[in-house]
Amino acid sequence: MKGWATDQGVEGSMITFLGDTRSELTEALGVVLDHPGPMGVLGSPRCKRFSMFIDDGVIKTINIAAAENDPAGDDNPTISLVEKMLGDL
Protein backbone atom coordinates (compact mmCIF):
# COMPACT_ATOMS: atom_id res chain seq x y z
CA MET A 1 0.00 0.00 0.00
CA LYS A 2 2.93 2.33 0.67
CA GLY A 3 4.05 2.04 -2.96
CA TRP A 4 0.55 2.89 -4.18
CA ALA A 5 0.37 5.91 -1.83
CA THR A 6 3.75 7.10 -3.11
CA ASP A 7 2.68 6.61 -6.73
CA GLN A 8 -0.49 8.62 -6.11
CA GLY A 9 1.42 11.41 -4.36
CA VAL A 10 -0.44 11.09 -1.04
CA GLU A 11 2.28 9.56 1.14
CA GLY A 12 2.58 11.63 4.31
CA SER A 13 -0.77 13.36 3.76
CA MET A 14 -4.06 12.94 5.63
CA ILE A 15 -4.95 10.06 3.27
CA THR A 16 -4.16 6.56 4.49
CA PHE A 17 -4.16 3.50 2.24
CA LEU A 18 -5.11 0.28 3.99
CA GLY A 19 -5.28 -3.30 2.75
CA ASP A 20 -8.13 -5.72 3.50
CA THR A 21 -6.24 -8.94 2.90
CA ARG A 22 -8.85 -11.17 4.56
CA SER A 23 -11.85 -9.27 3.13
CA GLU A 24 -13.20 -8.57 6.62
CA LEU A 25 -14.17 -4.98 5.88
CA THR A 26 -15.31 -5.86 2.36
CA GLU A 27 -17.71 -8.46 3.76
CA ALA A 28 -18.91 -6.22 6.61
CA LEU A 29 -19.74 -3.44 4.13
CA GLY A 30 -21.48 -5.86 1.76
CA VAL A 31 -19.25 -4.94 -1.19
CA VAL A 32 -17.90 -8.37 -2.11
CA LEU A 33 -17.49 -8.76 -5.86
CA ASP A 34 -18.31 -12.44 -6.31
CA HIS A 35 -20.03 -12.39 -9.72
CA PRO A 36 -18.95 -15.33 -11.91
CA GLY A 37 -17.80 -13.05 -14.76
CA PRO A 38 -15.11 -11.09 -12.89
CA MET A 39 -14.27 -14.09 -10.71
CA GLY A 40 -13.57 -16.09 -13.87
CA VAL A 41 -10.79 -13.59 -14.62
CA LEU A 42 -9.68 -12.63 -11.10
CA GLY A 43 -9.94 -16.10 -9.58
CA SER A 44 -11.35 -15.12 -6.19
CA PRO A 45 -13.82 -12.66 -4.69
CA ARG A 46 -12.63 -9.06 -4.60
CA CYS A 47 -13.98 -5.73 -3.41
CA LYS A 48 -16.44 -3.84 -5.58
CA ARG A 49 -15.38 -0.42 -6.85
CA PHE A 50 -16.70 2.15 -4.37
CA SER A 51 -16.05 5.41 -2.58
CA MET A 52 -17.06 6.20 0.95
CA PHE A 53 -17.28 9.39 3.01
CA ILE A 54 -16.76 8.79 6.73
CA ASP A 55 -17.18 11.58 9.26
CA ASP A 56 -16.10 10.94 12.85
CA GLY A 57 -16.39 7.19 12.36
CA VAL A 58 -19.87 7.35 10.78
CA ILE A 59 -20.43 6.37 7.15
CA LYS A 60 -22.22 9.34 5.62
CA THR A 61 -22.14 8.21 1.96
CA ILE A 62 -21.18 5.03 0.15
CA ASN A 63 -21.20 5.03 -3.65
CA ILE A 64 -20.91 1.61 -5.31
CA ALA A 65 -20.11 1.46 -9.02
CA ALA A 66 -21.89 -1.72 -10.03
CA ALA A 67 -24.86 -2.62 -12.18
CA GLU A 68 -26.59 -5.87 -13.06
CA ASN A 69 -24.84 -5.98 -16.45
CA ASP A 70 -21.59 -4.48 -15.06
CA PRO A 71 -20.85 -6.09 -11.69
CA ALA A 72 -17.30 -4.71 -11.52
CA GLY A 73 -18.37 -1.14 -12.34
CA ASP A 74 -15.82 -0.92 -15.14
CA ASP A 75 -18.18 0.46 -17.79
CA ASN A 76 -19.37 3.38 -15.66
CA PRO A 77 -17.30 4.02 -12.53
CA THR A 78 -18.56 7.63 -12.34
CA ILE A 79 -20.46 7.18 -9.08
CA SER A 80 -17.26 6.18 -7.27
CA LEU A 81 -15.06 8.98 -8.63
CA VAL A 82 -13.91 12.17 -6.93
CA GLU A 83 -16.45 14.44 -8.65
CA LYS A 84 -19.34 12.49 -7.10
CA MET A 85 -17.66 12.48 -3.69
CA LEU A 86 -17.10 16.23 -3.81
CA GLY A 87 -20.78 16.65 -4.66
CA ASP A 88 -21.69 14.51 -1.65
CA LEU A 89 -19.79 16.83 0.67
C-alpha atoms as a PDB file:
ATOM      1  CA  MET A   1       0.000   0.000   0.000  1.00  0.00           C
ATOM      2  CA  LYS A   2       2.931   2.327   0.666  1.00  0.00           C
ATOM      3  CA  GLY A   3       4.051   2.039  -2.959  1.00  0.00           C
ATOM      4  CA  TRP A   4       0.551   2.893  -4.181  1.00  0.00           C
ATOM      5  CA  ALA A   5       0.373   5.912  -1.834  1.00  0.00           C
ATOM      6  CA  THR A   6       3.745   7.099  -3.107  1.00  0.00           C
ATOM      7  CA  ASP A   7       2.680   6.612  -6.730  1.00  0.00           C
ATOM      8  CA  GLN A   8      -0.493   8.617  -6.106  1.00  0.00           C
ATOM      9  CA  GLY A   9       1.415  11.411  -4.356  1.00  0.00           C
ATOM     10  CA  VAL A  10      -0.436  11.090  -1.042  1.00  0.00           C
ATOM     11  CA  GLU A  11       2.278   9.563   1.139  1.00  0.00           C
ATOM     12  CA  GLY A  12       2.581  11.631   4.314  1.00  0.00           C
ATOM     13  CA  SER A  13      -0.766  13.356   3.758  1.00  0.00           C
ATOM     14  CA  MET A  14      -4.058  12.938   5.631  1.00  0.00           C
ATOM     15  CA  ILE A  15      -4.953  10.056   3.274  1.00  0.00           C
ATOM     16  CA  THR A  16      -4.160   6.557   4.490  1.00  0.00           C
ATOM     17  CA  PHE A  17      -4.158   3.504   2.238  1.00  0.00           C
ATOM     18  CA  LEU A  18      -5.109   0.278   3.994  1.00  0.00           C
ATOM     19  CA  GLY A  19      -5.282  -3.299   2.748  1.00  0.00           C
ATOM     20  CA  ASP A  20      -8.134  -5.716   3.501  1.00  0.00           C
ATOM     21  CA  THR A  21      -6.236  -8.940   2.901  1.00  0.00           C
ATOM     22  CA  ARG A  22      -8.848 -11.172   4.560  1.00  0.00           C
ATOM     23  CA  SER A  23     -11.851  -9.266   3.132  1.00  0.00           C
ATOM     24  CA  GLU A  24     -13.202  -8.573   6.616  1.00  0.00           C
ATOM     25  CA  LEU A  25     -14.172  -4.976   5.882  1.00  0.00           C
ATOM     26  CA  THR A  26     -15.307  -5.862   2.359  1.00  0.00           C
ATOM     27  CA  GLU A  27     -17.708  -8.461   3.762  1.00  0.00           C
ATOM     28  CA  ALA A  28     -18.914  -6.225   6.610  1.00  0.00           C
ATOM     29  CA  LEU A  29     -19.736  -3.439   4.127  1.00  0.00           C
ATOM     30  CA  GLY A  30     -21.480  -5.856   1.764  1.00  0.00           C
ATOM     31  CA  VAL A  31     -19.254  -4.944  -1.190  1.00  0.00           C
ATOM     32  CA  VAL A  32     -17.895  -8.373  -2.108  1.00  0.00           C
ATOM     33  CA  LEU A  33     -17.489  -8.763  -5.865  1.00  0.00           C
ATOM     34  CA  ASP A  34     -18.307 -12.441  -6.313  1.00  0.00           C
ATOM     35  CA  HIS A  35     -20.027 -12.389  -9.716  1.00  0.00           C
ATOM     36  CA  PRO A  36     -18.947 -15.332 -11.913  1.00  0.00           C
ATOM     37  CA  GLY A  37     -17.796 -13.046 -14.762  1.00  0.00           C
ATOM     38  CA  PRO A  38     -15.107 -11.087 -12.888  1.00  0.00           C
ATOM     39  CA  MET A  39     -14.265 -14.092 -10.708  1.00  0.00           C
ATOM     40  CA  GLY A  40     -13.566 -16.088 -13.869  1.00  0.00           C
ATOM     41  CA  VAL A  41     -10.795 -13.587 -14.620  1.00  0.00           C
ATOM     42  CA  LEU A  42      -9.685 -12.628 -11.104  1.00  0.00           C
ATOM     43  CA  GLY A  43      -9.944 -16.102  -9.583  1.00  0.00           C
ATOM     44  CA  SER A  44     -11.345 -15.124  -6.189  1.00  0.00           C
ATOM     45  CA  PRO A  45     -13.818 -12.660  -4.691  1.00  0.00           C
ATOM     46  CA  ARG A  46     -12.633  -9.059  -4.597  1.00  0.00           C
ATOM     47  CA  CYS A  47     -13.981  -5.732  -3.412  1.00  0.00           C
ATOM     48  CA  LYS A  48     -16.444  -3.839  -5.585  1.00  0.00           C
ATOM     49  CA  ARG A  49     -15.381  -0.417  -6.850  1.00  0.00           C
ATOM     50  CA  PHE A  50     -16.697   2.150  -4.370  1.00  0.00           C
ATOM     51  CA  SER A  51     -16.052   5.409  -2.585  1.00  0.00           C
ATOM     52  CA  MET A  52     -17.058   6.200   0.947  1.00  0.00           C
ATOM     53  CA  PHE A  53     -17.276   9.385   3.013  1.00  0.00           C
ATOM     54  CA  ILE A  54     -16.764   8.788   6.727  1.00  0.00           C
ATOM     55  CA  ASP A  55     -17.182  11.577   9.262  1.00  0.00           C
ATOM     56  CA  ASP A  56     -16.103  10.941  12.852  1.00  0.00           C
ATOM     57  CA  GLY A  57     -16.391   7.186  12.359  1.00  0.00           C
ATOM     58  CA  VAL A  58     -19.875   7.348  10.779  1.00  0.00           C
ATOM     59  CA  ILE A  59     -20.432   6.367   7.149  1.00  0.00           C
ATOM     60  CA  LYS A  60     -22.223   9.337   5.616  1.00  0.00           C
ATOM     61  CA  THR A  61     -22.135   8.207   1.963  1.00  0.00           C
ATOM     62  CA  ILE A  62     -21.182   5.034   0.147  1.00  0.00           C
ATOM     63  CA  ASN A  63     -21.200   5.030  -3.653  1.00  0.00           C
ATOM     64  CA  ILE A  64     -20.907   1.610  -5.305  1.00  0.00           C
ATOM     65  CA  ALA A  65     -20.106   1.460  -9.022  1.00  0.00           C
ATOM     66  CA  ALA A  66     -21.892  -1.722 -10.025  1.00  0.00           C
ATOM     67  CA  ALA A  67     -24.860  -2.617 -12.182  1.00  0.00           C
ATOM     68  CA  GLU A  68     -26.594  -5.870 -13.059  1.00  0.00           C
ATOM     69  CA  ASN A  69     -24.839  -5.980 -16.447  1.00  0.00           C
ATOM     70  CA  ASP A  70     -21.588  -4.479 -15.062  1.00  0.00           C
ATOM     71  CA  PRO A  71     -20.854  -6.088 -11.686  1.00  0.00           C
ATOM     72  CA  ALA A  72     -17.302  -4.714 -11.520  1.00  0.00           C
ATOM     73  CA  GLY A  73     -18.367  -1.142 -12.339  1.00  0.00           C
ATOM     74  CA  ASP A  74     -15.816  -0.918 -15.141  1.00  0.00           C
ATOM     75  CA  ASP A  75     -18.179   0.462 -17.793  1.00  0.00           C
ATOM     76  CA  ASN A  76     -19.371   3.383 -15.665  1.00  0.00           C
ATOM     77  CA  PRO A  77     -17.297   4.018 -12.526  1.00  0.00           C
ATOM     78  CA  THR A  78     -18.558   7.635 -12.343  1.00  0.00           C
ATOM     79  CA  ILE A  79     -20.464   7.185  -9.082  1.00  0.00           C
ATOM     80  CA  SER A  80     -17.258   6.183  -7.273  1.00  0.00           C
ATOM     81  CA  LEU A  81     -15.062   8.983  -8.630  1.00  0.00           C
ATOM     82  CA  VAL A  82     -13.913  12.169  -6.934  1.00  0.00           C
ATOM     83  CA  GLU A  83     -16.446  14.436  -8.649  1.00  0.00           C
ATOM     84  CA  LYS A  84     -19.340  12.490  -7.105  1.00  0.00           C
ATOM     85  CA  MET A  85     -17.663  12.479  -3.695  1.00  0.00           C
ATOM     86  CA  LEU A  86     -17.097  16.229  -3.807  1.00  0.00           C
ATOM     87  CA  GLY A  87     -20.776  16.652  -4.657  1.00  0.00           C
ATOM     88  CA  ASP A  88     -21.694  14.510  -1.648  1.00  0.00           C
ATOM     89  CA  LEU A  89     -19.790  16.825   0.665  1.00  0.00           C
END
